[in-house]
Amino acid sequence: MGKTADLTVVQKTTIDTLHKEGKTQKVIAKDTLIERRREGKNVVEKNRDNRTLERIVKQNPFKNVGEIHKDASRTTTHRRMQDIGFSCRIPCVKPLLNNRQRQKRLAWAKDKKDWTAAEWSKVMKRGEAQNPHCLRSKVKAAVYQDVLEHFMLPGADQLYGDADLIFQQDLAPAHSAKATSTWFEDHGIPVLNWPANSPDLNPIENLWGIVKRKMRNARPNNAEELKATIRATWALITPEQCHRLIDSMPRRIAAVIQAKGAPTKY
């Protein structure tokens, strides 16, 4: 009884089938033994393959499944990786920072470490100036100043009224051009000094992340539909989400200081 209980459902079904075919007890026992040895061999081979896979993944943690799988299919490799406790994730893309850039980020963070969330709420970010308006990836200074004139200024009046504001932008050539600096001076708008390669310090990047996730299933057929979808999706962002991101600025500053200027989780 004990040996019968050890048989799998497949093995029991096989024995019943052999019985019905009129096979003798000796033949049935022989076939069952061969089948169990084959299954045992498969288990040993699978365990060995899993150990090999585990070693490969640990040695090359940033390789994707397509680069790892060889003998087995991509699906089988992915399933085995999950079985042994590994998960496939897309790594966060962080900018490469040289020592000079890290030092500038650290100095900037130390200079802003006492700023409160209320003070950060006075900062108007570049993305607020051009959204929901779509621009080309590369914009010349004259075009950028035109956007500031026709979109940023009306937006600033609507959002801030007569209250003080500081404008934040990155160090793209059109933003740091001398003519653009002159434009801000002529309009009496102070610009927040900004360290290079610091998307983790800019909450507007998180807002764009929200928009991308909301648009994941969108299928625009042309550029105009894409622009319309972006505008509609941007309009779904709530004031609460914006407030939470503003409130995160002191934590971001502290994270940069703790990392000594290196990229942070943000």
C-alpha atoms as a PDB file:
ATOM      1  CA  MET A   1       0.000   0.000   0.000  1.00  0.00           C
ATOM      2  CA  GLY A   2       2.856   2.349   0.899  1.00  0.00           C
ATOM      3  CA  LYS A   3       4.479   1.909  -2.530  1.00  0.00           C
ATOM      4  CA  THR A   4       1.155   2.430  -4.311  1.00  0.00           C
ATOM      5  CA  ALA A   5       0.583   5.644  -2.384  1.00  0.00           C
ATOM      6  CA  ASP A   6       3.938   6.926  -3.656  1.00  0.00           C
ATOM      7  CA  LEU A   7       2.823   6.639  -7.279  1.00  0.00           C
ATOM      8  CA  THR A   8       1.777   9.766  -9.124  1.00  0.00           C
ATOM      9  CA  VAL A   9      -1.611  10.125 -10.783  1.00  0.00           C
ATOM     10  CA  VAL A  10       0.050   9.705 -14.187  1.00  0.00           C
ATOM     11  CA  GLN A  11       1.768   6.498 -13.101  1.00  0.00           C
ATOM     12  CA  LYS A  12      -1.455   5.054 -11.668  1.00  0.00           C
ATOM     13  CA  THR A  13      -3.280   5.888 -14.901  1.00  0.00           C
ATOM     14  CA  THR A  14      -0.496   4.234 -16.908  1.00  0.00           C
ATOM     15  CA  ILE A  15      -0.764   1.041 -14.807  1.00  0.00           C
ATOM     16  CA  ASP A  16      -4.550   0.943 -15.284  1.00  0.00           C
ATOM     17  CA  THR A  17      -4.101   1.349 -19.035  1.00  0.00           C
ATOM     18  CA  LEU A  18      -1.524  -1.459 -19.178  1.00  0.00           C
ATOM     19  CA  HIS A  19      -3.891  -3.689 -17.177  1.00  0.00           C
ATOM     20  CA  LYS A  20      -6.671  -3.056 -19.664  1.00  0.00           C
ATOM     21  CA  GLU A  21      -4.279  -3.885 -22.519  1.00  0.00           C
ATOM     22  CA  GLY A  22      -3.660  -7.290 -20.936  1.00  0.00           C
ATOM     23  CA  LYS A  23      -0.059  -6.682 -19.924  1.00  0.00           C
ATOM     24  CA  THR A  24       1.403  -8.983 -17.293  1.00  0.00           C
ATOM     25  CA  GLN A  25       2.309  -7.809 -13.810  1.00  0.00           C
ATOM     26  CA  LYS A  26       6.002  -8.188 -14.624  1.00  0.00           C
ATOM     27  CA  VAL A  27       5.787  -6.003 -17.729  1.00  0.00           C
ATOM     28  CA  ILE A  28       3.749  -3.393 -15.858  1.00  0.00           C
ATOM     29  CA  ALA A  29       6.274  -3.291 -13.013  1.00  0.00           C
ATOM     30  CA  LYS A  30       9.158  -2.962 -15.473  1.00  0.00           C
ATOM     31  CA  ASP A  31       7.500  -0.145 -17.443  1.00  0.00           C
ATOM     32  CA  THR A  32       6.551   1.688 -14.240  1.00  0.00           C
ATOM     33  CA  LEU A  33      10.103   1.422 -12.894  1.00  0.00           C
ATOM     34  CA  ILE A  34      11.535   2.798 -16.145  1.00  0.00           C
ATOM     35  CA  GLU A  35       9.041   5.673 -16.066  1.00  0.00           C
ATOM     36  CA  ARG A  36       9.871   6.515 -12.441  1.00  0.00           C
ATOM     37  CA  ARG A  37      13.605   6.439 -13.200  1.00  0.00           C
ATOM     38  CA  ARG A  38      13.001   8.744 -16.166  1.00  0.00           C
ATOM     39  CA  GLU A  39      11.045  11.161 -13.979  1.00  0.00           C
ATOM     40  CA  GLY A  40      13.766  11.047 -11.339  1.00  0.00           C
ATOM     41  CA  LYS A  41      16.373  11.765 -13.979  1.00  0.00           C
ATOM     42  CA  ASN A  42      14.326  14.728 -15.228  1.00  0.00           C
ATOM     43  CA  VAL A  43      14.100  16.111 -11.688  1.00  0.00           C
ATOM     44  CA  VAL A  44      17.862  15.798 -11.233  1.00  0.00           C
ATOM     45  CA  GLU A  45      18.487  17.471 -14.586  1.00  0.00           C
ATOM     46  CA  LYS A  46      16.035  20.255 -13.758  1.00  0.00           C
ATOM     47  CA  ASN A  47      17.687  20.876 -10.387  1.00  0.00           C
ATOM     48  CA  ARG A  48      21.081  20.961 -12.062  1.00  0.00           C
ATOM     49  CA  ASP A  49      19.798  23.368 -14.714  1.00  0.00           C
ATOM     50  CA  ASN A  50      18.280  25.573 -12.004  1.00  0.00           C
ATOM     51  CA  ARG A  51      21.588  25.717 -10.150  1.00  0.00           C
ATOM     52  CA  THR A  52      23.345  26.688 -13.369  1.00  0.00           C
ATOM     53  CA  LEU A  53      20.690  29.325 -14.110  1.00  0.00           C
ATOM     54  CA  GLU A  54      20.974  30.723 -10.592  1.00  0.00           C
ATOM     55  CA  ARG A  55      24.731  31.053 -10.976  1.00  0.00           C
ATOM     56  CA  ILE A  56      24.357  32.809 -14.350  1.00  0.00           C
ATOM     57  CA  VAL A  57      21.780  35.277 -12.994  1.00  0.00           C
ATOM     58  CA  LYS A  58      23.878  36.122  -9.936  1.00  0.00           C
ATOM     59  CA  GLN A  59      26.930  36.730 -12.113  1.00  0.00           C
ATOM     60  CA  ASN A  60      24.974  38.804 -14.634  1.00  0.00           C
ATOM     61  CA  PRO A  61      22.066  40.449 -12.753  1.00  0.00           C
ATOM     62  CA  PHE A  62      21.420  43.021 -15.499  1.00  0.00           C
ATOM     63  CA  LYS A  63      21.054  40.560 -18.369  1.00  0.00           C
ATOM     64  CA  ASN A  64      17.527  40.080 -19.676  1.00  0.00           C
ATOM     65  CA  VAL A  65      15.814  36.727 -20.249  1.00  0.00           C
ATOM     66  CA  GLY A  66      16.516  36.872 -23.964  1.00  0.00           C
ATOM     67  CA  GLU A  67      20.262  37.043 -23.283  1.00  0.00           C
ATOM     68  CA  ILE A  68      20.210  34.279 -20.660  1.00  0.00           C
ATOM     69  CA  HIS A  69      18.122  31.543 -22.273  1.00  0.00           C
ATOM     70  CA  LYS A  70      20.018  29.189 -24.574  1.00  0.00           C
ATOM     71  CA  ASP A  71      18.889  25.546 -24.575  1.00  0.00           C
ATOM     72  CA  ALA A  72      15.480  26.224 -23.029  1.00  0.00           C
ATOM     73  CA  SER A  73      12.818  28.510 -24.444  1.00  0.00           C
ATOM     74  CA  ARG A  74      12.440  32.080 -23.246  1.00  0.00           C
ATOM     75  CA  THR A  75       9.178  31.173 -21.454  1.00  0.00           C
ATOM     76  CA  THR A  76      10.745  28.176 -19.697  1.00  0.00           C
ATOM     77  CA  THR A  77      13.745  30.247 -18.611  1.00  0.00           C
ATOM     78  CA  HIS A  78      11.458  32.971 -17.243  1.00  0.00           C
ATOM     79  CA  ARG A  79       9.364  30.393 -15.336  1.00  0.00           C
ATOM     80  CA  ARG A  80      12.457  28.718 -13.871  1.00  0.00           C
ATOM     81  CA  MET A  81      13.853  32.074 -12.776  1.00  0.00           C
ATOM     82  CA  GLN A  82      10.607  32.731 -10.916  1.00  0.00           C
ATOM     83  CA  ASP A  83      10.705  29.225  -9.385  1.00  0.00           C
ATOM     84  CA  ILE A  84      14.137  29.864  -7.862  1.00  0.00           C
ATOM     85  CA  GLY A  85      13.115  33.279  -6.544  1.00  0.00           C
ATOM     86  CA  PHE A  86      14.264  35.768  -9.186  1.00  0.00           C
ATOM     87  CA  SER A  87      12.034  38.476 -10.655  1.00  0.00           C
ATOM     88  CA  CYS A  88      12.512  40.322 -13.927  1.00  0.00           C
ATOM     89  CA  ARG A  89      12.469  44.082 -13.570  1.00  0.00           C
ATOM     90  CA  ILE A  90      13.419  47.009 -15.775  1.00  0.00           C
ATOM     91  CA  PRO A  91      16.288  48.825 -14.019  1.00  0.00           C
ATOM     92  CA  CYS A  92      15.882  52.508 -13.289  1.00  0.00           C
ATOM     93  CA  VAL A  93      17.853  54.633 -15.713  1.00  0.00           C
ATOM     94  CA  LYS A  94      20.044  56.999 -13.735  1.00  0.00           C
ATOM     95  CA  PRO A  95      22.375  59.605 -15.220  1.00  0.00           C
ATOM     96  CA  LEU A  96      26.098  59.002 -15.071  1.00  0.00           C
ATOM     97  CA  LEU A  97      27.629  61.634 -12.828  1.00  0.00           C
ATOM     98  CA  ASN A  98      31.271  62.552 -12.695  1.00  0.00           C
ATOM     99  CA  ASN A  99      32.890  63.705  -9.463  1.00  0.00           C
ATOM    100  CA  ARG A 100      32.495  67.389 -10.331  1.00  0.00           C
ATOM    101  CA  GLN A 101      28.758  66.984 -10.980  1.00  0.00           C
ATOM    102  CA  ARG A 102      28.276  65.068  -7.727  1.00  0.00           C
ATOM    103  CA  GLN A 103      30.043  67.805  -5.809  1.00  0.00           C
ATOM    104  CA  LYS A 104      27.833  70.463  -7.408  1.00  0.00           C
ATOM    105  CA  ARG A 105      24.698  68.469  -6.577  1.00  0.00           C
ATOM    106  CA  LEU A 106      25.868  68.072  -2.998  1.00  0.00           C
ATOM    107  CA  ALA A 107      26.659  71.776  -2.641  1.00  0.00           C
ATOM    108  CA  TRP A 108      23.286  72.682  -4.149  1.00  0.00           C
ATOM    109  CA  ALA A 109      21.444  70.326  -1.789  1.00  0.00           C
ATOM    110  CA  LYS A 110      23.240  71.689   1.249  1.00  0.00           C
ATOM    111  CA  ASP A 111      22.341  75.220   0.171  1.00  0.00           C
ATOM    112  CA  LYS A 112      18.640  74.228  -0.105  1.00  0.00           C
ATOM    113  CA  LYS A 113      18.443  71.858   2.874  1.00  0.00           C
ATOM    114  CA  ASP A 114      16.513  74.352   5.027  1.00  0.00           C
ATOM    115  CA  TRP A 115      13.891  75.132   2.400  1.00  0.00           C
ATOM    116  CA  THR A 116      10.405  74.109   3.493  1.00  0.00           C
ATOM    117  CA  ALA A 117       7.635  72.622   1.352  1.00  0.00           C
ATOM    118  CA  ALA A 118       5.962  76.057   1.452  1.00  0.00           C
ATOM    119  CA  GLU A 119       9.033  77.631  -0.111  1.00  0.00           C
ATOM    120  CA  TRP A 120       9.199  74.932  -2.779  1.00  0.00           C
ATOM    121  CA  SER A 121       5.559  75.609  -3.639  1.00  0.00           C
ATOM    122  CA  LYS A 122       6.688  79.001  -4.994  1.00  0.00           C
ATOM    123  CA  VAL A 123       8.811  77.295  -7.646  1.00  0.00           C
ATOM    124  CA  MET A 124       7.232  77.095 -11.086  1.00  0.00           C
ATOM    125  CA  LYS A 125       8.729  74.312 -13.171  1.00  0.00           C
ATOM    126  CA  ARG A 126       9.482  74.354 -16.852  1.00  0.00           C
ATOM    127  CA  GLY A 127       6.995  71.545 -17.553  1.00  0.00           C
ATOM    128  CA  GLU A 128       4.194  73.673 -16.135  1.00  0.00           C
ATOM    129  CA  ALA A 129       5.087  76.399 -18.599  1.00  0.00           C
ATOM    130  CA  GLN A 130       4.693  74.300 -21.741  1.00  0.00           C
ATOM    131  CA  ASN A 131       2.045  71.724 -20.822  1.00  0.00           C
ATOM    132  CA  PRO A 132      -0.308  70.749 -22.243  1.00  0.00           C
ATOM    133  CA  HIS A 133       1.504  72.226 -25.259  1.00  0.00           C
ATOM    134  CA  CYS A 134       3.817  69.859 -27.139  1.00  0.00           C
ATOM    135  CA  LEU A 135       7.259  70.872 -28.337  1.00  0.00           C
ATOM    136  CA  ARG A 136       9.962  69.212 -30.378  1.00  0.00           C
ATOM    137  CA  SER A 137      12.730  67.506 -28.407  1.00  0.00           C
ATOM    138  CA  LYS A 138      15.277  70.128 -29.517  1.00  0.00           C
ATOM    139  CA  VAL A 139      14.175  73.747 -29.207  1.00  0.00           C
ATOM    140  CA  LYS A 140      16.216  76.807 -30.056  1.00  0.00           C
ATOM    141  CA  ALA A 141      16.433  79.719 -27.634  1.00  0.00           C
ATOM    142  CA  ALA A 142      14.122  81.947 -29.676  1.00  0.00           C
ATOM    143  CA  VAL A 143      11.400  79.277 -29.773  1.00  0.00           C
ATOM    144  CA  TYR A 144      11.804  78.653 -26.048  1.00  0.00           C
ATOM    145  CA  GLN A 145      11.426  82.351 -25.263  1.00  0.00           C
ATOM    146  CA  ASP A 146       8.298  82.420 -27.422  1.00  0.00           C
ATOM    147  CA  VAL A 147       6.849  79.580 -25.315  1.00  0.00           C
ATOM    148  CA  LEU A 148       7.724  81.468 -22.142  1.00  0.00           C
ATOM    149  CA  GLU A 149       6.062  84.596 -23.480  1.00  0.00           C
ATOM    150  CA  HIS A 150       2.825  82.994 -24.642  1.00  0.00           C
ATOM    151  CA  PHE A 151       2.375  80.140 -22.143  1.00  0.00           C
ATOM    152  CA  MET A 152       4.551  80.591 -19.072  1.00  0.00           C
ATOM    153  CA  LEU A 153       3.564  84.178 -18.318  1.00  0.00           C
ATOM    154  CA  PRO A 154      -0.214  83.575 -18.563  1.00  0.00           C
ATOM    155  CA  GLY A 155       0.226  80.384 -16.542  1.00  0.00           C
ATOM    156  CA  ALA A 156       2.181  82.230 -13.861  1.00  0.00           C
ATOM    157  CA  ASP A 157      -0.538  84.886 -13.607  1.00  0.00           C
ATOM    158  CA  GLN A 158      -3.185  82.190 -13.253  1.00  0.00           C
ATOM    159  CA  LEU A 159      -1.306  80.091 -10.696  1.00  0.00           C
ATOM    160  CA  TYR A 160       0.518  82.726  -8.640  1.00  0.00           C
ATOM    161  CA  GLY A 161      -1.174  86.058  -9.301  1.00  0.00           C
ATOM    162  CA  ASP A 162       0.842  88.763  -7.551  1.00  0.00           C
ATOM    163  CA  ALA A 163       2.644  86.260  -5.294  1.00  0.00           C
ATOM    164  CA  ASP A 164       6.378  85.702  -5.595  1.00  0.00           C
ATOM    165  CA  LEU A 165       7.585  82.883  -7.795  1.00  0.00           C
ATOM    166  CA  ILE A 166      10.878  81.345  -8.847  1.00  0.00           C
ATOM    167  CA  PHE A 167      11.191  79.646 -12.222  1.00  0.00           C
ATOM    168  CA  GLN A 168      12.945  76.286 -12.468  1.00  0.00           C
ATOM    169  CA  GLN A 169      14.436  74.832 -15.650  1.00  0.00           C
ATOM    170  CA  ASP A 170      17.214  72.424 -16.504  1.00  0.00           C
ATOM    171  CA  LEU A 171      20.461  73.285 -18.267  1.00  0.00           C
ATOM    172  CA  ALA A 172      19.400  72.592 -21.861  1.00  0.00           C
ATOM    173  CA  PRO A 173      21.173  74.925 -24.321  1.00  0.00           C
ATOM    174  CA  ALA A 174      17.994  76.885 -25.077  1.00  0.00           C
ATOM    175  CA  HIS A 175      17.424  77.414 -21.334  1.00  0.00           C
ATOM    176  CA  SER A 176      20.955  78.487 -20.458  1.00  0.00           C
ATOM    177  CA  ALA A 177      21.439  80.706 -23.513  1.00  0.00           C
ATOM    178  CA  LYS A 178      22.440  84.306 -22.784  1.00  0.00           C
ATOM    179  CA  ALA A 179      19.393  85.589 -24.663  1.00  0.00           C
ATOM    180  CA  THR A 180      17.108  83.502 -22.438  1.00  0.00           C
ATOM    181  CA  SER A 181      18.799  84.818 -19.292  1.00  0.00           C
ATOM    182  CA  THR A 182      18.242  88.335 -20.591  1.00  0.00           C
ATOM    183  CA  TRP A 183      14.557  87.528 -21.190  1.00  0.00           C
ATOM    184  CA  PHE A 184      14.099  86.502 -17.557  1.00  0.00           C
ATOM    185  CA  GLU A 185      15.918  89.616 -16.336  1.00  0.00           C
ATOM    186  CA  ASP A 186      13.767  91.860 -18.506  1.00  0.00           C
ATOM    187  CA  HIS A 187      10.603  90.267 -17.089  1.00  0.00           C
ATOM    188  CA  GLY A 188      11.840  90.382 -13.491  1.00  0.00           C
ATOM    189  CA  ILE A 189      11.555  86.609 -12.994  1.00  0.00           C
ATOM    190  CA  PRO A 190      14.224  84.967 -10.808  1.00  0.00           C
ATOM    191  CA  VAL A 191      15.510  81.588 -12.037  1.00  0.00           C
ATOM    192  CA  LEU A 192      16.436  78.823  -9.627  1.00  0.00           C
ATOM    193  CA  ASN A 193      20.042  77.703 -10.018  1.00  0.00           C
ATOM    194  CA  TRP A 194      19.979  74.034 -10.980  1.00  0.00           C
ATOM    195  CA  PRO A 195      22.580  71.226 -10.878  1.00  0.00           C
ATOM    196  CA  ALA A 196      23.217  69.269 -14.077  1.00  0.00           C
ATOM    197  CA  ASN A 197      21.848  65.743 -14.584  1.00  0.00           C
ATOM    198  CA  SER A 198      19.402  65.924 -11.692  1.00  0.00           C
ATOM    199  CA  PRO A 199      16.029  64.491 -12.772  1.00  0.00           C
ATOM    200  CA  ASP A 200      15.668  62.974  -9.288  1.00  0.00           C
ATOM    201  CA  LEU A 201      15.358  66.510  -7.924  1.00  0.00           C
ATOM    202  CA  ASN A 202      12.664  67.542 -10.387  1.00  0.00           C
ATOM    203  CA  PRO A 203       9.084  66.460  -9.486  1.00  0.00           C
ATOM    204  CA  ILE A 204       7.950  67.279 -13.041  1.00  0.00           C
ATOM    205  CA  GLU A 205       9.661  64.022 -14.069  1.00  0.00           C
ATOM    206  CA  ASN A 206       7.303  62.153 -11.729  1.00  0.00           C
ATOM    207  CA  LEU A 207       4.315  63.887 -13.283  1.00  0.00           C
ATOM    208  CA  TRP A 208       5.469  62.775 -16.715  1.00  0.00           C
ATOM    209  CA  GLY A 209       5.796  59.263 -15.302  1.00  0.00           C
ATOM    210  CA  ILE A 210       2.164  59.421 -14.178  1.00  0.00           C
ATOM    211  CA  VAL A 211       1.117  60.565 -17.661  1.00  0.00           C
ATOM    212  CA  LYS A 212       3.061  57.735 -19.325  1.00  0.00           C
ATOM    213  CA  ARG A 213       1.464  55.114 -17.079  1.00  0.00           C
ATOM    214  CA  LYS A 214      -2.021  56.479 -17.731  1.00  0.00           C
ATOM    215  CA  MET A 215      -1.337  56.448 -21.481  1.00  0.00           C
ATOM    216  CA  ARG A 216       0.026  52.909 -21.504  1.00  0.00           C
ATOM    217  CA  ASN A 217      -3.033  51.490 -23.245  1.00  0.00           C
ATOM    218  CA  ALA A 218      -3.662  54.481 -25.510  1.00  0.00           C
ATOM    219  CA  ARG A 219      -3.299  53.889 -29.234  1.00  0.00           C
ATOM    220  CA  PRO A 220      -3.240  57.284 -31.012  1.00  0.00           C
ATOM    221  CA  ASN A 221      -3.166  57.007 -34.800  1.00  0.00           C
ATOM    222  CA  ASN A 222      -1.289  60.209 -35.567  1.00  0.00           C
ATOM    223  CA  ALA A 223       0.552  63.130 -34.004  1.00  0.00           C
ATOM    224  CA  GLU A 224      -2.592  65.190 -33.445  1.00  0.00           C
ATOM    225  CA  GLU A 225      -4.311  62.340 -31.599  1.00  0.00           C
ATOM    226  CA  LEU A 226      -1.158  61.868 -29.528  1.00  0.00           C
ATOM    227  CA  LYS A 227      -1.140  65.546 -28.534  1.00  0.00           C
ATOM    228  CA  ALA A 228      -4.835  65.407 -27.654  1.00  0.00           C
ATOM    229  CA  THR A 229      -4.269  62.283 -25.548  1.00  0.00           C
ATOM    230  CA  ILE A 230      -1.370  63.926 -23.696  1.00  0.00           C
ATOM    231  CA  ARG A 231      -3.461  67.008 -22.943  1.00  0.00           C
ATOM    232  CA  ALA A 232      -6.414  64.950 -21.720  1.00  0.00           C
ATOM    233  CA  THR A 233      -4.176  62.738 -19.580  1.00  0.00           C
ATOM    234  CA  TRP A 234      -2.317  65.717 -18.122  1.00  0.00           C
ATOM    235  CA  ALA A 235      -5.666  67.218 -17.096  1.00  0.00           C
ATOM    236  CA  LEU A 236      -6.353  64.102 -14.981  1.00  0.00           C
ATOM    237  CA  ILE A 237      -3.458  64.875 -12.631  1.00  0.00           C
ATOM    238  CA  THR A 238      -4.961  65.998  -9.338  1.00  0.00           C
ATOM    239  CA  PRO A 239      -3.826  68.906  -7.131  1.00  0.00           C
ATOM    240  CA  GLU A 240      -3.243  66.347  -4.347  1.00  0.00           C
ATOM    241  CA  GLN A 241      -0.666  64.541  -6.487  1.00  0.00           C
ATOM    242  CA  CYS A 242       1.121  67.832  -7.130  1.00  0.00           C
ATOM    243  CA  HIS A 243       1.098  68.740  -3.430  1.00  0.00           C
ATOM    244  CA  ARG A 244       2.580  65.356  -2.504  1.00  0.00           C
ATOM    245  CA  LEU A 245       5.418  65.857  -4.961  1.00  0.00           C
ATOM    246  CA  ILE A 246       6.109  69.363  -3.638  1.00  0.00           C
ATOM    247  CA  ASP A 247       6.115  67.999  -0.091  1.00  0.00           C
ATOM    248  CA  SER A 248       8.742  65.435  -1.164  1.00  0.00           C
ATOM    249  CA  MET A 249      11.364  68.085  -1.988  1.00  0.00           C
ATOM    250  CA  PRO A 250      12.920  68.263   1.505  1.00  0.00           C
ATOM    251  CA  ARG A 251      13.254  64.469   1.454  1.00  0.00           C
ATOM    252  CA  ARG A 252      14.879  64.575  -1.980  1.00  0.00           C
ATOM    253  CA  ILE A 253      17.363  67.169  -0.748  1.00  0.00           C
ATOM    254  CA  ALA A 254      18.191  65.031   2.284  1.00  0.00           C
ATOM    255  CA  ALA A 255      18.643  61.958   0.054  1.00  0.00           C
ATOM    256  CA  VAL A 256      21.149  63.790  -2.157  1.00  0.00           C
ATOM    257  CA  ILE A 257      23.118  64.899   0.902  1.00  0.00           C
ATOM    258  CA  GLN A 258      23.083  61.373   2.306  1.00  0.00           C
ATOM    259  CA  ALA A 259      24.265  60.006  -1.067  1.00  0.00           C
ATOM    260  CA  LYS A 260      27.008  62.678  -1.192  1.00  0.00           C
ATOM    261  CA  GLY A 261      25.703  63.949  -4.503  1.00  0.00           C
ATOM    262  CA  ALA A 262      25.158  60.586  -6.166  1.00  0.00           C
ATOM    263  CA  PRO A 263      21.809  59.666  -7.827  1.00  0.00           C
ATOM    264  CA  THR A 264      18.971  58.840  -5.427  1.00  0.00           C
ATOM    265  CA  LYS A 265      15.908  56.585  -5.537  1.00  0.00           C
ATOM    266  CA  TYR A 266      13.777  59.516  -6.727  1.00  0.00           C
END
